[in-house]
Amino acid sequence: MTKLDRRILKTQESLKKAVIELMAEKPFDEITIQDIADRANVNRGTIYLHYQDKYDLLDKLIETYFNELGEMEKWACEMDWIDALVPYFEYFEKNYLFFSTMLASKDAKGAPSSFRTRLLASFMEGFKGEIDRESGRNADLSEDVMLQYAGTAYVGIIEWWIRNGMPYPPQVMAKQVGTLLERTL
């Protein structure tokens, strides 16, 4: 695997940061390539060296976050709920601007509506192997209903937490949400 030039990585990070900042200020549809270039302090042409257009840039940005969440999911499955959720809430906290823009904006500010749907599907997929079938407590419950319930609750609590300025630290959120998910699944 070839190593990317640090200058390229720095430029791409600058462009991604610029898009997130701009989306926090105005609807995505109103953001121009020139706006992104100005915010990132690069020429318009530089953007086109890396991305086809602003939609490609946004898609790549979103993909980066989903890849990072996917990596976390690989090892989180081996832990109990509370310990597994601490890194997730720390991740949401660390990337507050992105998630507040993409997930918790009151009017969505032009952010693709598919982001929340995709995040929900990702969490539901991750919860599939977590349903307790051995104890019998979920014997009469449909897996589809349980996954929809738990996934929607999880995404909803993340939205609430972000929208309300993260009133509790990640460890507290992980403990409370972990306890609730453990009861549910």
C-alpha atoms as a PDB file:
ATOM      1  CA  MET A   1       0.000   0.000   0.000  1.00  0.00           C
ATOM      2  CA  THR A   2       1.494   3.323  -1.030  1.00  0.00           C
ATOM      3  CA  LYS A   3       1.758   6.020   1.567  1.00  0.00           C
ATOM      4  CA  LEU A   4      -0.080   9.256   0.810  1.00  0.00           C
ATOM      5  CA  ASP A   5       1.947  12.436   0.718  1.00  0.00           C
ATOM      6  CA  ARG A   6       1.455  14.428   3.934  1.00  0.00           C
ATOM      7  CA  ARG A   7       0.664  17.540   1.909  1.00  0.00           C
ATOM      8  CA  ILE A   8      -2.201  15.734   0.189  1.00  0.00           C
ATOM      9  CA  LEU A   9      -3.539  14.497   3.523  1.00  0.00           C
ATOM     10  CA  LYS A  10      -3.268  17.983   5.004  1.00  0.00           C
ATOM     11  CA  THR A  11      -5.132  19.498   2.049  1.00  0.00           C
ATOM     12  CA  GLN A  12      -7.877  16.866   2.209  1.00  0.00           C
ATOM     13  CA  GLU A  13      -8.300  17.375   5.957  1.00  0.00           C
ATOM     14  CA  SER A  14      -8.477  21.130   5.432  1.00  0.00           C
ATOM     15  CA  LEU A  15     -11.180  20.703   2.790  1.00  0.00           C
ATOM     16  CA  LYS A  16     -13.215  18.338   4.959  1.00  0.00           C
ATOM     17  CA  LYS A  17     -12.959  20.692   7.926  1.00  0.00           C
ATOM     18  CA  ALA A  18     -14.052  23.597   5.717  1.00  0.00           C
ATOM     19  CA  VAL A  19     -17.161  21.719   4.549  1.00  0.00           C
ATOM     20  CA  ILE A  20     -18.170  20.824   8.106  1.00  0.00           C
ATOM     21  CA  GLU A  21     -17.713  24.393   9.304  1.00  0.00           C
ATOM     22  CA  LEU A  22     -19.670  25.796   6.377  1.00  0.00           C
ATOM     23  CA  MET A  23     -22.497  23.285   6.875  1.00  0.00           C
ATOM     24  CA  ALA A  24     -22.816  24.475  10.454  1.00  0.00           C
ATOM     25  CA  GLU A  25     -23.425  27.975   9.078  1.00  0.00           C
ATOM     26  CA  LYS A  26     -25.673  27.445   6.054  1.00  0.00           C
ATOM     27  CA  PRO A  27     -27.495  24.789   4.015  1.00  0.00           C
ATOM     28  CA  PHE A  28     -25.253  22.462   2.036  1.00  0.00           C
ATOM     29  CA  ASP A  29     -27.015  23.368  -1.212  1.00  0.00           C
ATOM     30  CA  GLU A  30     -25.959  26.991  -0.716  1.00  0.00           C
ATOM     31  CA  ILE A  31     -22.294  26.145  -0.207  1.00  0.00           C
ATOM     32  CA  THR A  32     -20.176  26.701  -3.308  1.00  0.00           C
ATOM     33  CA  ILE A  33     -16.838  25.262  -4.306  1.00  0.00           C
ATOM     34  CA  GLN A  34     -15.462  28.802  -3.933  1.00  0.00           C
ATOM     35  CA  ASP A  35     -16.784  28.943  -0.340  1.00  0.00           C
ATOM     36  CA  ILE A  36     -14.964  25.705   0.439  1.00  0.00           C
ATOM     37  CA  ALA A  37     -11.775  26.868  -1.267  1.00  0.00           C
ATOM     38  CA  ASP A  38     -11.827  30.189   0.591  1.00  0.00           C
ATOM     39  CA  ARG A  39     -12.434  28.524   3.970  1.00  0.00           C
ATOM     40  CA  ALA A  40      -9.702  25.938   3.375  1.00  0.00           C
ATOM     41  CA  ASN A  41      -7.343  28.592   1.990  1.00  0.00           C
ATOM     42  CA  VAL A  42      -6.755  26.732  -1.281  1.00  0.00           C
ATOM     43  CA  ASN A  43      -7.466  27.417  -4.939  1.00  0.00           C
ATOM     44  CA  ARG A  44     -10.693  26.094  -6.485  1.00  0.00           C
ATOM     45  CA  GLY A  45      -8.636  23.899  -8.777  1.00  0.00           C
ATOM     46  CA  THR A  46      -7.089  22.163  -5.776  1.00  0.00           C
ATOM     47  CA  ILE A  47     -10.493  20.845  -4.759  1.00  0.00           C
ATOM     48  CA  TYR A  48     -10.964  19.291  -8.191  1.00  0.00           C
ATOM     49  CA  LEU A  49      -7.594  17.549  -7.896  1.00  0.00           C
ATOM     50  CA  HIS A  50      -9.032  15.587  -4.971  1.00  0.00           C
ATOM     51  CA  TYR A  51     -12.807  15.459  -5.517  1.00  0.00           C
ATOM     52  CA  GLN A  52     -15.249  15.545  -8.423  1.00  0.00           C
ATOM     53  CA  ASP A  53     -17.467  18.142  -6.734  1.00  0.00           C
ATOM     54  CA  LYS A  54     -18.773  19.182  -3.315  1.00  0.00           C
ATOM     55  CA  TYR A  55     -21.019  16.103  -3.170  1.00  0.00           C
ATOM     56  CA  ASP A  56     -18.054  13.793  -3.709  1.00  0.00           C
ATOM     57  CA  LEU A  57     -16.179  15.645  -0.951  1.00  0.00           C
ATOM     58  CA  LEU A  58     -19.125  15.235   1.424  1.00  0.00           C
ATOM     59  CA  ASP A  59     -19.515  11.548   0.508  1.00  0.00           C
ATOM     60  CA  LYS A  60     -15.819  10.904   1.207  1.00  0.00           C
ATOM     61  CA  LEU A  61     -16.081  12.794   4.491  1.00  0.00           C
ATOM     62  CA  ILE A  62     -19.081  10.743   5.615  1.00  0.00           C
ATOM     63  CA  GLU A  63     -17.366   7.543   4.499  1.00  0.00           C
ATOM     64  CA  THR A  64     -14.376   8.392   6.697  1.00  0.00           C
ATOM     65  CA  TYR A  65     -16.577   8.598   9.787  1.00  0.00           C
ATOM     66  CA  PHE A  66     -18.459   5.405   8.978  1.00  0.00           C
ATOM     67  CA  ASN A  67     -15.171   3.572   8.441  1.00  0.00           C
ATOM     68  CA  GLU A  68     -13.911   4.758  11.829  1.00  0.00           C
ATOM     69  CA  LEU A  69     -17.160   3.700  13.517  1.00  0.00           C
ATOM     70  CA  GLY A  70     -16.908   0.341  11.752  1.00  0.00           C
ATOM     71  CA  GLU A  71     -13.409  -0.195  13.092  1.00  0.00           C
ATOM     72  CA  MET A  72     -14.657   0.512  16.605  1.00  0.00           C
ATOM     73  CA  GLU A  73     -17.487  -1.980  16.167  1.00  0.00           C
ATOM     74  CA  LYS A  74     -15.030  -4.799  15.437  1.00  0.00           C
ATOM     75  CA  TRP A  75     -13.591  -4.788  18.957  1.00  0.00           C
ATOM     76  CA  ALA A  76     -16.624  -3.376  20.810  1.00  0.00           C
ATOM     77  CA  CYS A  77     -18.503  -6.650  20.297  1.00  0.00           C
ATOM     78  CA  GLU A  78     -16.060  -8.351  22.655  1.00  0.00           C
ATOM     79  CA  MET A  79     -16.854  -6.016  25.567  1.00  0.00           C
ATOM     80  CA  ASP A  80     -19.805  -5.473  27.862  1.00  0.00           C
ATOM     81  CA  TRP A  81     -22.220  -2.694  26.899  1.00  0.00           C
ATOM     82  CA  ILE A  82     -20.908   0.038  29.159  1.00  0.00           C
ATOM     83  CA  ASP A  83     -17.212  -0.470  28.382  1.00  0.00           C
ATOM     84  CA  ALA A  84     -17.990  -0.751  24.664  1.00  0.00           C
ATOM     85  CA  LEU A  85     -19.997   2.483  24.551  1.00  0.00           C
ATOM     86  CA  VAL A  86     -17.458   4.758  26.281  1.00  0.00           C
ATOM     87  CA  PRO A  87     -15.242   5.014  23.157  1.00  0.00           C
ATOM     88  CA  TYR A  88     -18.306   5.705  20.999  1.00  0.00           C
ATOM     89  CA  PHE A  89     -19.451   8.610  23.144  1.00  0.00           C
ATOM     90  CA  GLU A  90     -15.872   9.889  23.322  1.00  0.00           C
ATOM     91  CA  TYR A  91     -15.770   9.686  19.524  1.00  0.00           C
ATOM     92  CA  PHE A  92     -19.042  11.645  19.190  1.00  0.00           C
ATOM     93  CA  GLU A  93     -17.695  14.222  21.645  1.00  0.00           C
ATOM     94  CA  LYS A  94     -14.362  14.540  19.824  1.00  0.00           C
ATOM     95  CA  ASN A  95     -16.178  14.947  16.502  1.00  0.00           C
ATOM     96  CA  TYR A  96     -18.951  17.139  17.875  1.00  0.00           C
ATOM     97  CA  LEU A  97     -18.998  19.613  14.976  1.00  0.00           C
ATOM     98  CA  PHE A  98     -19.440  16.864  12.388  1.00  0.00           C
ATOM     99  CA  PHE A  99     -22.157  14.985  14.261  1.00  0.00           C
ATOM    100  CA  SER A 100     -23.977  18.120  15.359  1.00  0.00           C
ATOM    101  CA  THR A 101     -24.022  19.251  11.740  1.00  0.00           C
ATOM    102  CA  MET A 102     -24.950  15.921  10.160  1.00  0.00           C
ATOM    103  CA  LEU A 103     -27.179  14.444  12.808  1.00  0.00           C
ATOM    104  CA  ALA A 104     -28.547  16.918  15.280  1.00  0.00           C
ATOM    105  CA  SER A 105     -29.159  20.102  13.326  1.00  0.00           C
ATOM    106  CA  LYS A 106     -32.662  21.292  14.067  1.00  0.00           C
ATOM    107  CA  ASP A 107     -33.442  21.973  10.403  1.00  0.00           C
ATOM    108  CA  ALA A 108     -30.832  19.610   8.917  1.00  0.00           C
ATOM    109  CA  LYS A 109     -29.288  22.653   7.164  1.00  0.00           C
ATOM    110  CA  GLY A 110     -29.236  20.834   3.847  1.00  0.00           C
ATOM    111  CA  ALA A 111     -27.254  17.885   5.219  1.00  0.00           C
ATOM    112  CA  PRO A 112     -28.121  14.683   3.398  1.00  0.00           C
ATOM    113  CA  SER A 113     -31.116  13.145   5.116  1.00  0.00           C
ATOM    114  CA  SER A 114     -29.697   9.716   4.422  1.00  0.00           C
ATOM    115  CA  PHE A 115     -26.984  10.184   7.078  1.00  0.00           C
ATOM    116  CA  ARG A 116     -29.297   9.429  10.020  1.00  0.00           C
ATOM    117  CA  THR A 117     -30.849   6.499   8.158  1.00  0.00           C
ATOM    118  CA  ARG A 118     -27.430   5.081   7.359  1.00  0.00           C
ATOM    119  CA  LEU A 119     -26.236   5.535  10.953  1.00  0.00           C
ATOM    120  CA  LEU A 120     -29.359   3.776  12.240  1.00  0.00           C
ATOM    121  CA  ALA A 121     -28.847   0.878   9.825  1.00  0.00           C
ATOM    122  CA  SER A 122     -25.223   0.584  10.908  1.00  0.00           C
ATOM    123  CA  PHE A 123     -26.117   0.383  14.592  1.00  0.00           C
ATOM    124  CA  MET A 124     -28.975  -2.046  13.958  1.00  0.00           C
ATOM    125  CA  GLU A 125     -26.590  -4.313  12.069  1.00  0.00           C
ATOM    126  CA  GLY A 126     -24.149  -4.142  14.978  1.00  0.00           C
ATOM    127  CA  PHE A 127     -26.880  -5.005  17.487  1.00  0.00           C
ATOM    128  CA  LYS A 128     -27.932  -8.164  15.604  1.00  0.00           C
ATOM    129  CA  GLY A 129     -25.507 -10.428  17.418  1.00  0.00           C
ATOM    130  CA  GLU A 130     -26.306  -8.903  20.804  1.00  0.00           C
ATOM    131  CA  ILE A 131     -29.889 -10.116  21.260  1.00  0.00           C
ATOM    132  CA  ASP A 132     -30.241 -12.365  24.305  1.00  0.00           C
ATOM    133  CA  ARG A 133     -32.017 -15.527  23.187  1.00  0.00           C
ATOM    134  CA  GLU A 134     -30.607 -17.844  25.862  1.00  0.00           C
ATOM    135  CA  SER A 135     -32.426 -16.465  28.916  1.00  0.00           C
ATOM    136  CA  GLY A 136     -35.840 -16.661  27.252  1.00  0.00           C
ATOM    137  CA  ARG A 137     -36.729 -13.058  28.114  1.00  0.00           C
ATOM    138  CA  ASN A 138     -36.918 -12.148  24.418  1.00  0.00           C
ATOM    139  CA  ALA A 139     -38.576 -15.351  23.234  1.00  0.00           C
ATOM    140  CA  ASP A 140     -41.821 -13.653  22.183  1.00  0.00           C
ATOM    141  CA  LEU A 141     -40.172 -10.625  20.572  1.00  0.00           C
ATOM    142  CA  SER A 142     -39.428 -10.202  16.888  1.00  0.00           C
ATOM    143  CA  GLU A 143     -35.779  -9.538  16.065  1.00  0.00           C
ATOM    144  CA  ASP A 144     -36.794  -6.833  13.572  1.00  0.00           C
ATOM    145  CA  VAL A 145     -38.808  -4.966  16.188  1.00  0.00           C
ATOM    146  CA  MET A 146     -36.081  -5.274  18.809  1.00  0.00           C
ATOM    147  CA  LEU A 147     -33.387  -4.008  16.437  1.00  0.00           C
ATOM    148  CA  GLN A 148     -35.530  -1.097  15.244  1.00  0.00           C
ATOM    149  CA  TYR A 149     -36.376  -0.176  18.836  1.00  0.00           C
ATOM    150  CA  ALA A 150     -32.807  -0.362  20.147  1.00  0.00           C
ATOM    151  CA  GLY A 151     -31.254   1.320  17.084  1.00  0.00           C
ATOM    152  CA  THR A 152     -33.770   4.169  17.040  1.00  0.00           C
ATOM    153  CA  ALA A 153     -33.339   4.699  20.776  1.00  0.00           C
ATOM    154  CA  TYR A 154     -29.547   4.763  20.451  1.00  0.00           C
ATOM    155  CA  VAL A 155     -29.493   7.228  17.554  1.00  0.00           C
ATOM    156  CA  GLY A 156     -32.152   9.316  19.320  1.00  0.00           C
ATOM    157  CA  ILE A 157     -30.157   9.553  22.530  1.00  0.00           C
ATOM    158  CA  ILE A 158     -27.034  10.554  20.589  1.00  0.00           C
ATOM    159  CA  GLU A 159     -29.061  13.292  18.872  1.00  0.00           C
ATOM    160  CA  TRP A 160     -30.481  14.460  22.195  1.00  0.00           C
ATOM    161  CA  TRP A 161     -27.036  14.485  23.820  1.00  0.00           C
ATOM    162  CA  ILE A 162     -25.478  16.507  21.007  1.00  0.00           C
ATOM    163  CA  ARG A 163     -28.444  18.856  20.598  1.00  0.00           C
ATOM    164  CA  ASN A 164     -28.315  19.649  24.316  1.00  0.00           C
ATOM    165  CA  GLY A 165     -24.615  20.450  24.375  1.00  0.00           C
ATOM    166  CA  MET A 166     -23.495  17.084  25.772  1.00  0.00           C
ATOM    167  CA  PRO A 167     -24.786  17.670  29.325  1.00  0.00           C
ATOM    168  CA  TYR A 168     -23.175  14.468  30.636  1.00  0.00           C
ATOM    169  CA  PRO A 169     -19.636  13.192  30.051  1.00  0.00           C
ATOM    170  CA  PRO A 170     -19.134  10.205  27.717  1.00  0.00           C
ATOM    171  CA  GLN A 171     -18.605   7.821  30.645  1.00  0.00           C
ATOM    172  CA  VAL A 172     -21.975   8.717  32.191  1.00  0.00           C
ATOM    173  CA  MET A 173     -23.736   8.413  28.849  1.00  0.00           C
ATOM    174  CA  ALA A 174     -22.100   5.050  28.195  1.00  0.00           C
ATOM    175  CA  LYS A 175     -23.171   3.742  31.589  1.00  0.00           C
ATOM    176  CA  GLN A 176     -26.769   4.858  31.222  1.00  0.00           C
ATOM    177  CA  VAL A 177     -27.233   3.912  27.567  1.00  0.00           C
ATOM    178  CA  GLY A 178     -25.349   0.631  28.099  1.00  0.00           C
ATOM    179  CA  THR A 179     -27.664  -0.280  30.965  1.00  0.00           C
ATOM    180  CA  LEU A 180     -30.730   0.500  28.843  1.00  0.00           C
ATOM    181  CA  LEU A 181     -29.471  -1.459  25.830  1.00  0.00           C
ATOM    182  CA  GLU A 182     -28.598  -4.395  28.066  1.00  0.00           C
ATOM    183  CA  ARG A 183     -32.181  -4.398  29.370  1.00  0.00           C
ATOM    184  CA  THR A 184     -33.566  -4.148  25.853  1.00  0.00           C
ATOM    185  CA  LEU A 185     -31.487  -6.651  23.964  1.00  0.00           C
END
